[in-house]
């Protein structure tokens, strides 16, 4: 069941752009859409398309964020602020959705630990620098910078141990804490 909807992006435009969806959506739902050569975050602003673009040329919404939709009161407020300040709807929406980094995937930190492979199995000579790294990592995993600082060795020693699989990487997602968005937050009634 393809449906044409209007998505208002955070770019300085007054009108929503037509996109297709293949699921049930609601007004105010936060989505990501292809726009030009990149992607833009926006909200479903209309459950009907404008009809200005041929349906075969429309692109589909690429991502649906798991956030509560923006309330009808907030949509009214966005329209009012844009009209009052003679600003574009997309510019006002950008201020509403301006939490930095909330829509990007979390960065990853790479820690290294011992793989269980010995220096002899890796066909590496014993050296004080290599043993200092292995002694440090026997206690806990660390980043490359922490290994270099803690074992007092250069990056080349660490790189050799990684390349020879004496050290193995552990990927850990950097947790970002954001408050749960309140989609129907109302402080004052607009008239």
C-alpha atoms as a PDB file:
ATOM      1  CA  UNK A   1       0.000   0.000   0.000  1.00  0.00           C
ATOM      2  CA  UNK A   2       1.965   3.008  -1.277  1.00  0.00           C
ATOM      3  CA  UNK A   3       0.846   6.376  -0.026  1.00  0.00           C
ATOM      4  CA  UNK A   4       2.092   9.842  -1.001  1.00  0.00           C
ATOM      5  CA  UNK A   5       2.820  12.187   1.893  1.00  0.00           C
ATOM      6  CA  UNK A   6       4.325  15.652   2.391  1.00  0.00           C
ATOM      7  CA  UNK A   7       7.568  15.867   4.365  1.00  0.00           C
ATOM      8  CA  UNK A   8       8.766  19.191   5.733  1.00  0.00           C
ATOM      9  CA  UNK A   9      12.570  19.155   5.972  1.00  0.00           C
ATOM     10  CA  UNK A  10      14.830  21.289   8.147  1.00  0.00           C
ATOM     11  CA  UNK A  11      15.951  23.231   5.068  1.00  0.00           C
ATOM     12  CA  UNK A  12      14.722  26.808   4.459  1.00  0.00           C
ATOM     13  CA  UNK A  13      11.614  25.956   2.408  1.00  0.00           C
ATOM     14  CA  UNK A  14       7.977  26.794   3.077  1.00  0.00           C
ATOM     15  CA  UNK A  15       6.385  23.782   1.456  1.00  0.00           C
ATOM     16  CA  UNK A  16       6.667  20.080   2.184  1.00  0.00           C
ATOM     17  CA  UNK A  17       8.133  17.758  -0.433  1.00  0.00           C
ATOM     18  CA  UNK A  18       6.294  14.680  -1.706  1.00  0.00           C
ATOM     19  CA  UNK A  19       7.594  11.233  -0.758  1.00  0.00           C
ATOM     20  CA  UNK A  20       6.112   7.751  -0.730  1.00  0.00           C
ATOM     21  CA  UNK A  21       5.615   5.509   2.287  1.00  0.00           C
ATOM     22  CA  UNK A  22       4.704   1.844   2.455  1.00  0.00           C
ATOM     23  CA  UNK A  23       3.420   1.741   6.031  1.00  0.00           C
ATOM     24  CA  UNK A  24       0.978   3.569   8.261  1.00  0.00           C
ATOM     25  CA  UNK A  25       2.349   6.922   9.366  1.00  0.00           C
ATOM     26  CA  UNK A  26       1.040   9.815  11.408  1.00  0.00           C
ATOM     27  CA  UNK A  27       1.285  13.581  11.259  1.00  0.00           C
ATOM     28  CA  UNK A  28       4.400  14.898  13.012  1.00  0.00           C
ATOM     29  CA  UNK A  29       6.351  11.642  12.736  1.00  0.00           C
ATOM     30  CA  UNK A  30      10.103  12.278  12.438  1.00  0.00           C
ATOM     31  CA  UNK A  31      11.678  10.727   9.338  1.00  0.00           C
ATOM     32  CA  UNK A  32      14.793  10.853   7.178  1.00  0.00           C
ATOM     33  CA  UNK A  33      14.411  11.355   3.436  1.00  0.00           C
ATOM     34  CA  UNK A  34      16.754  11.402   0.441  1.00  0.00           C
ATOM     35  CA  UNK A  35      17.270  14.982  -0.679  1.00  0.00           C
ATOM     36  CA  UNK A  36      19.627  15.841  -3.510  1.00  0.00           C
ATOM     37  CA  UNK A  37      22.844  13.884  -3.003  1.00  0.00           C
ATOM     38  CA  UNK A  38      22.361  13.554   0.744  1.00  0.00           C
ATOM     39  CA  UNK A  39      19.737  12.880   3.360  1.00  0.00           C
ATOM     40  CA  UNK A  40      17.636  15.263   5.435  1.00  0.00           C
ATOM     41  CA  UNK A  41      15.683  14.922   8.645  1.00  0.00           C
ATOM     42  CA  UNK A  42      12.110  16.130   8.555  1.00  0.00           C
ATOM     43  CA  UNK A  43       8.584  15.508   9.767  1.00  0.00           C
ATOM     44  CA  UNK A  44       5.501  14.182   8.074  1.00  0.00           C
ATOM     45  CA  UNK A  45       3.656  17.458   7.582  1.00  0.00           C
ATOM     46  CA  UNK A  46       0.829  16.270   5.373  1.00  0.00           C
ATOM     47  CA  UNK A  47      -0.812  12.894   4.829  1.00  0.00           C
ATOM     48  CA  UNK A  48      -1.480  13.847   1.200  1.00  0.00           C
ATOM     49  CA  UNK A  49       0.946  14.767  -1.534  1.00  0.00           C
ATOM     50  CA  UNK A  50       0.820  18.044  -3.442  1.00  0.00           C
ATOM     51  CA  UNK A  51       0.337  16.246  -6.746  1.00  0.00           C
ATOM     52  CA  UNK A  52       2.904  18.522  -8.436  1.00  0.00           C
ATOM     53  CA  UNK A  53       5.387  15.701  -9.156  1.00  0.00           C
ATOM     54  CA  UNK A  54       4.710  12.558 -11.173  1.00  0.00           C
ATOM     55  CA  UNK A  55       4.302   9.570  -8.843  1.00  0.00           C
ATOM     56  CA  UNK A  56       6.947   7.563 -10.710  1.00  0.00           C
ATOM     57  CA  UNK A  57       9.604  10.203  -9.866  1.00  0.00           C
ATOM     58  CA  UNK A  58       8.927  10.243  -6.131  1.00  0.00           C
ATOM     59  CA  UNK A  59      11.418   8.733  -3.694  1.00  0.00           C
ATOM     60  CA  UNK A  60      10.523   6.749  -0.595  1.00  0.00           C
ATOM     61  CA  UNK A  61      11.117   7.789   3.001  1.00  0.00           C
ATOM     62  CA  UNK A  62      14.432   6.152   3.942  1.00  0.00           C
ATOM     63  CA  UNK A  63      14.206   5.978   7.734  1.00  0.00           C
ATOM     64  CA  UNK A  64      11.565   6.236  10.450  1.00  0.00           C
ATOM     65  CA  UNK A  65      12.911   7.431  13.802  1.00  0.00           C
ATOM     66  CA  UNK A  66      11.636   5.824  16.960  1.00  0.00           C
ATOM     67  CA  UNK A  67      10.617   9.111  18.588  1.00  0.00           C
ATOM     68  CA  UNK A  68       7.166  10.310  19.571  1.00  0.00           C
ATOM     69  CA  UNK A  69       5.573  12.403  16.809  1.00  0.00           C
ATOM     70  CA  UNK A  70       5.450  16.177  17.098  1.00  0.00           C
ATOM     71  CA  UNK A  71       2.045  17.171  18.438  1.00  0.00           C
ATOM     72  CA  UNK A  72      -0.594  19.114  16.518  1.00  0.00           C
ATOM     73  CA  UNK A  73      -0.118  22.037  18.953  1.00  0.00           C
ATOM     74  CA  UNK A  74       3.605  22.114  18.188  1.00  0.00           C
ATOM     75  CA  UNK A  75       2.865  22.070  14.437  1.00  0.00           C
ATOM     76  CA  UNK A  76       0.530  25.055  14.957  1.00  0.00           C
ATOM     77  CA  UNK A  77       3.262  26.780  16.944  1.00  0.00           C
ATOM     78  CA  UNK A  78       5.800  26.170  14.161  1.00  0.00           C
ATOM     79  CA  UNK A  79       3.390  27.728  11.632  1.00  0.00           C
ATOM     80  CA  UNK A  80       2.711  30.680  13.943  1.00  0.00           C
ATOM     81  CA  UNK A  81       6.419  31.375  14.610  1.00  0.00           C
ATOM     82  CA  UNK A  82       7.207  31.167  10.885  1.00  0.00           C
ATOM     83  CA  UNK A  83       4.378  33.549   9.996  1.00  0.00           C
ATOM     84  CA  UNK A  84       5.057  35.996  12.829  1.00  0.00           C
ATOM     85  CA  UNK A  85       8.793  36.193  12.095  1.00  0.00           C
ATOM     86  CA  UNK A  86       8.400  35.961   8.299  1.00  0.00           C
ATOM     87  CA  UNK A  87      10.644  32.907   8.404  1.00  0.00           C
ATOM     88  CA  UNK A  88      10.495  29.713   6.381  1.00  0.00           C
ATOM     89  CA  UNK A  89       8.711  26.747   7.937  1.00  0.00           C
ATOM     90  CA  UNK A  90      11.794  24.556   7.464  1.00  0.00           C
ATOM     91  CA  UNK A  91      13.975  27.059   9.328  1.00  0.00           C
ATOM     92  CA  UNK A  92      11.619  27.065  12.300  1.00  0.00           C
ATOM     93  CA  UNK A  93      11.422  23.256  12.211  1.00  0.00           C
ATOM     94  CA  UNK A  94      15.228  23.156  12.340  1.00  0.00           C
ATOM     95  CA  UNK A  95      15.095  25.042  15.649  1.00  0.00           C
ATOM     96  CA  UNK A  96      12.592  22.508  16.991  1.00  0.00           C
ATOM     97  CA  UNK A  97      14.718  19.512  15.946  1.00  0.00           C
ATOM     98  CA  UNK A  98      18.108  21.037  16.752  1.00  0.00           C
ATOM     99  CA  UNK A  99      19.411  18.521  19.301  1.00  0.00           C
ATOM    100  CA  UNK A 100      22.888  17.874  17.963  1.00  0.00           C
ATOM    101  CA  UNK A 101      23.770  14.292  17.234  1.00  0.00           C
ATOM    102  CA  UNK A 102      20.433  12.730  18.151  1.00  0.00           C
ATOM    103  CA  UNK A 103      19.793  11.591  14.565  1.00  0.00           C
ATOM    104  CA  UNK A 104      23.299  10.323  13.794  1.00  0.00           C
ATOM    105  CA  UNK A 105      24.421   6.827  14.689  1.00  0.00           C
ATOM    106  CA  UNK A 106      26.571   6.503  17.788  1.00  0.00           C
ATOM    107  CA  UNK A 107      30.319   6.586  17.322  1.00  0.00           C
ATOM    108  CA  UNK A 108      32.308   3.481  18.142  1.00  0.00           C
ATOM    109  CA  UNK A 109      35.403   3.198  20.311  1.00  0.00           C
ATOM    110  CA  UNK A 110      37.933   0.502  19.490  1.00  0.00           C
ATOM    111  CA  UNK A 111      39.602  -1.170  22.437  1.00  0.00           C
ATOM    112  CA  UNK A 112      42.276  -3.832  22.121  1.00  0.00           C
ATOM    113  CA  UNK A 113      42.830  -6.946  24.178  1.00  0.00           C
ATOM    114  CA  UNK A 114      45.070 -10.016  23.940  1.00  0.00           C
ATOM    115  CA  UNK A 115      43.913 -12.544  21.348  1.00  0.00           C
ATOM    116  CA  UNK A 116      45.619 -15.503  22.990  1.00  0.00           C
ATOM    117  CA  UNK A 117      48.215 -15.738  20.217  1.00  0.00           C
ATOM    118  CA  UNK A 118      51.804 -15.695  21.498  1.00  0.00           C
ATOM    119  CA  UNK A 119      54.683 -13.732  20.016  1.00  0.00           C
ATOM    120  CA  UNK A 120      56.267 -16.994  18.852  1.00  0.00           C
ATOM    121  CA  UNK A 121      53.045 -18.042  17.058  1.00  0.00           C
ATOM    122  CA  UNK A 122      52.972 -14.643  15.385  1.00  0.00           C
ATOM    123  CA  UNK A 123      56.636 -15.092  14.385  1.00  0.00           C
ATOM    124  CA  UNK A 124      57.698 -11.956  16.258  1.00  0.00           C
ATOM    125  CA  UNK A 125      60.851 -11.532  18.291  1.00  0.00           C
ATOM    126  CA  UNK A 126      60.611 -10.920  22.016  1.00  0.00           C
ATOM    127  CA  UNK A 127      61.171  -7.305  22.950  1.00  0.00           C
ATOM    128  CA  UNK A 128      60.645  -5.244  26.087  1.00  0.00           C
ATOM    129  CA  UNK A 129      58.180  -2.961  24.284  1.00  0.00           C
ATOM    130  CA  UNK A 130      55.999  -5.868  23.116  1.00  0.00           C
ATOM    131  CA  UNK A 131      56.027  -7.465  26.565  1.00  0.00           C
ATOM    132  CA  UNK A 132      55.076  -4.146  28.192  1.00  0.00           C
ATOM    133  CA  UNK A 133      52.027  -3.955  25.875  1.00  0.00           C
ATOM    134  CA  UNK A 134      51.053  -7.558  26.626  1.00  0.00           C
ATOM    135  CA  UNK A 135      51.513  -7.028  30.373  1.00  0.00           C
ATOM    136  CA  UNK A 136      49.296  -3.920  30.284  1.00  0.00           C
ATOM    137  CA  UNK A 137      46.573  -5.666  28.267  1.00  0.00           C
ATOM    138  CA  UNK A 138      46.536  -8.676  30.581  1.00  0.00           C
ATOM    139  CA  UNK A 139      44.729  -6.445  33.085  1.00  0.00           C
ATOM    140  CA  UNK A 140      42.047  -4.804  30.859  1.00  0.00           C
ATOM    141  CA  UNK A 141      41.368  -3.707  27.273  1.00  0.00           C
ATOM    142  CA  UNK A 142      42.529  -0.215  26.234  1.00  0.00           C
ATOM    143  CA  UNK A 143      42.504   2.108  23.208  1.00  0.00           C
ATOM    144  CA  UNK A 144      45.645   2.488  21.093  1.00  0.00           C
ATOM    145  CA  UNK A 145      46.432   5.851  22.692  1.00  0.00           C
ATOM    146  CA  UNK A 146      46.010   4.411  26.201  1.00  0.00           C
ATOM    147  CA  UNK A 147      48.260   1.460  25.322  1.00  0.00           C
ATOM    148  CA  UNK A 148      50.955   3.776  23.949  1.00  0.00           C
ATOM    149  CA  UNK A 149      50.789   5.957  27.051  1.00  0.00           C
ATOM    150  CA  UNK A 150      50.456   3.150  29.628  1.00  0.00           C
ATOM    151  CA  UNK A 151      53.142   0.870  28.176  1.00  0.00           C
ATOM    152  CA  UNK A 152      55.347   3.774  27.031  1.00  0.00           C
ATOM    153  CA  UNK A 153      55.681   2.422  23.491  1.00  0.00           C
ATOM    154  CA  UNK A 154      55.243   3.859  20.017  1.00  0.00           C
ATOM    155  CA  UNK A 155      52.259   3.314  17.735  1.00  0.00           C
ATOM    156  CA  UNK A 156      54.395   1.148  15.420  1.00  0.00           C
ATOM    157  CA  UNK A 157      54.809  -1.491  18.150  1.00  0.00           C
ATOM    158  CA  UNK A 158      51.038  -1.582  18.688  1.00  0.00           C
ATOM    159  CA  UNK A 159      50.315  -1.665  14.935  1.00  0.00           C
ATOM    160  CA  UNK A 160      52.667  -4.637  14.470  1.00  0.00           C
ATOM    161  CA  UNK A 161      50.917  -6.561  17.255  1.00  0.00           C
ATOM    162  CA  UNK A 162      47.513  -5.780  15.697  1.00  0.00           C
ATOM    163  CA  UNK A 163      48.648  -6.749  12.193  1.00  0.00           C
ATOM    164  CA  UNK A 164      50.076 -10.058  13.474  1.00  0.00           C
ATOM    165  CA  UNK A 165      46.790 -10.683  15.384  1.00  0.00           C
ATOM    166  CA  UNK A 166      48.425 -10.775  18.803  1.00  0.00           C
ATOM    167  CA  UNK A 167      45.941  -8.055  19.757  1.00  0.00           C
ATOM    168  CA  UNK A 168      42.300  -8.223  18.749  1.00  0.00           C
ATOM    169  CA  UNK A 169      39.860  -5.307  18.544  1.00  0.00           C
ATOM    170  CA  UNK A 170      36.723  -4.924  20.651  1.00  0.00           C
ATOM    171  CA  UNK A 171      34.171  -2.413  19.328  1.00  0.00           C
ATOM    172  CA  UNK A 172      32.121  -0.542  21.915  1.00  0.00           C
ATOM    173  CA  UNK A 173      29.324   1.875  21.093  1.00  0.00           C
ATOM    174  CA  UNK A 174      29.703   5.270  22.735  1.00  0.00           C
ATOM    175  CA  UNK A 175      26.519   5.723  24.720  1.00  0.00           C
ATOM    176  CA  UNK A 176      24.869   9.078  24.327  1.00  0.00           C
ATOM    177  CA  UNK A 177      22.284  10.102  26.855  1.00  0.00           C
ATOM    178  CA  UNK A 178      19.321  12.141  25.678  1.00  0.00           C
ATOM    179  CA  UNK A 179      16.167  12.883  27.572  1.00  0.00           C
ATOM    180  CA  UNK A 180      13.075  11.179  26.201  1.00  0.00           C
ATOM    181  CA  UNK A 181      11.366  13.722  23.897  1.00  0.00           C
ATOM    182  CA  UNK A 182       7.954  14.907  25.034  1.00  0.00           C
ATOM    183  CA  UNK A 183       5.938  15.211  21.836  1.00  0.00           C
ATOM    184  CA  UNK A 184       2.839  16.735  23.423  1.00  0.00           C
ATOM    185  CA  UNK A 185       4.564  19.207  25.789  1.00  0.00           C
ATOM    186  CA  UNK A 186       2.434  22.316  26.206  1.00  0.00           C
ATOM    187  CA  UNK A 187       3.348  25.192  28.474  1.00  0.00           C
ATOM    188  CA  UNK A 188       0.799  27.768  27.316  1.00  0.00           C
ATOM    189  CA  UNK A 189      -2.329  27.594  25.200  1.00  0.00           C
ATOM    190  CA  UNK A 190      -2.041  29.403  21.886  1.00  0.00           C
ATOM    191  CA  UNK A 191      -5.018  31.467  20.786  1.00  0.00           C
END
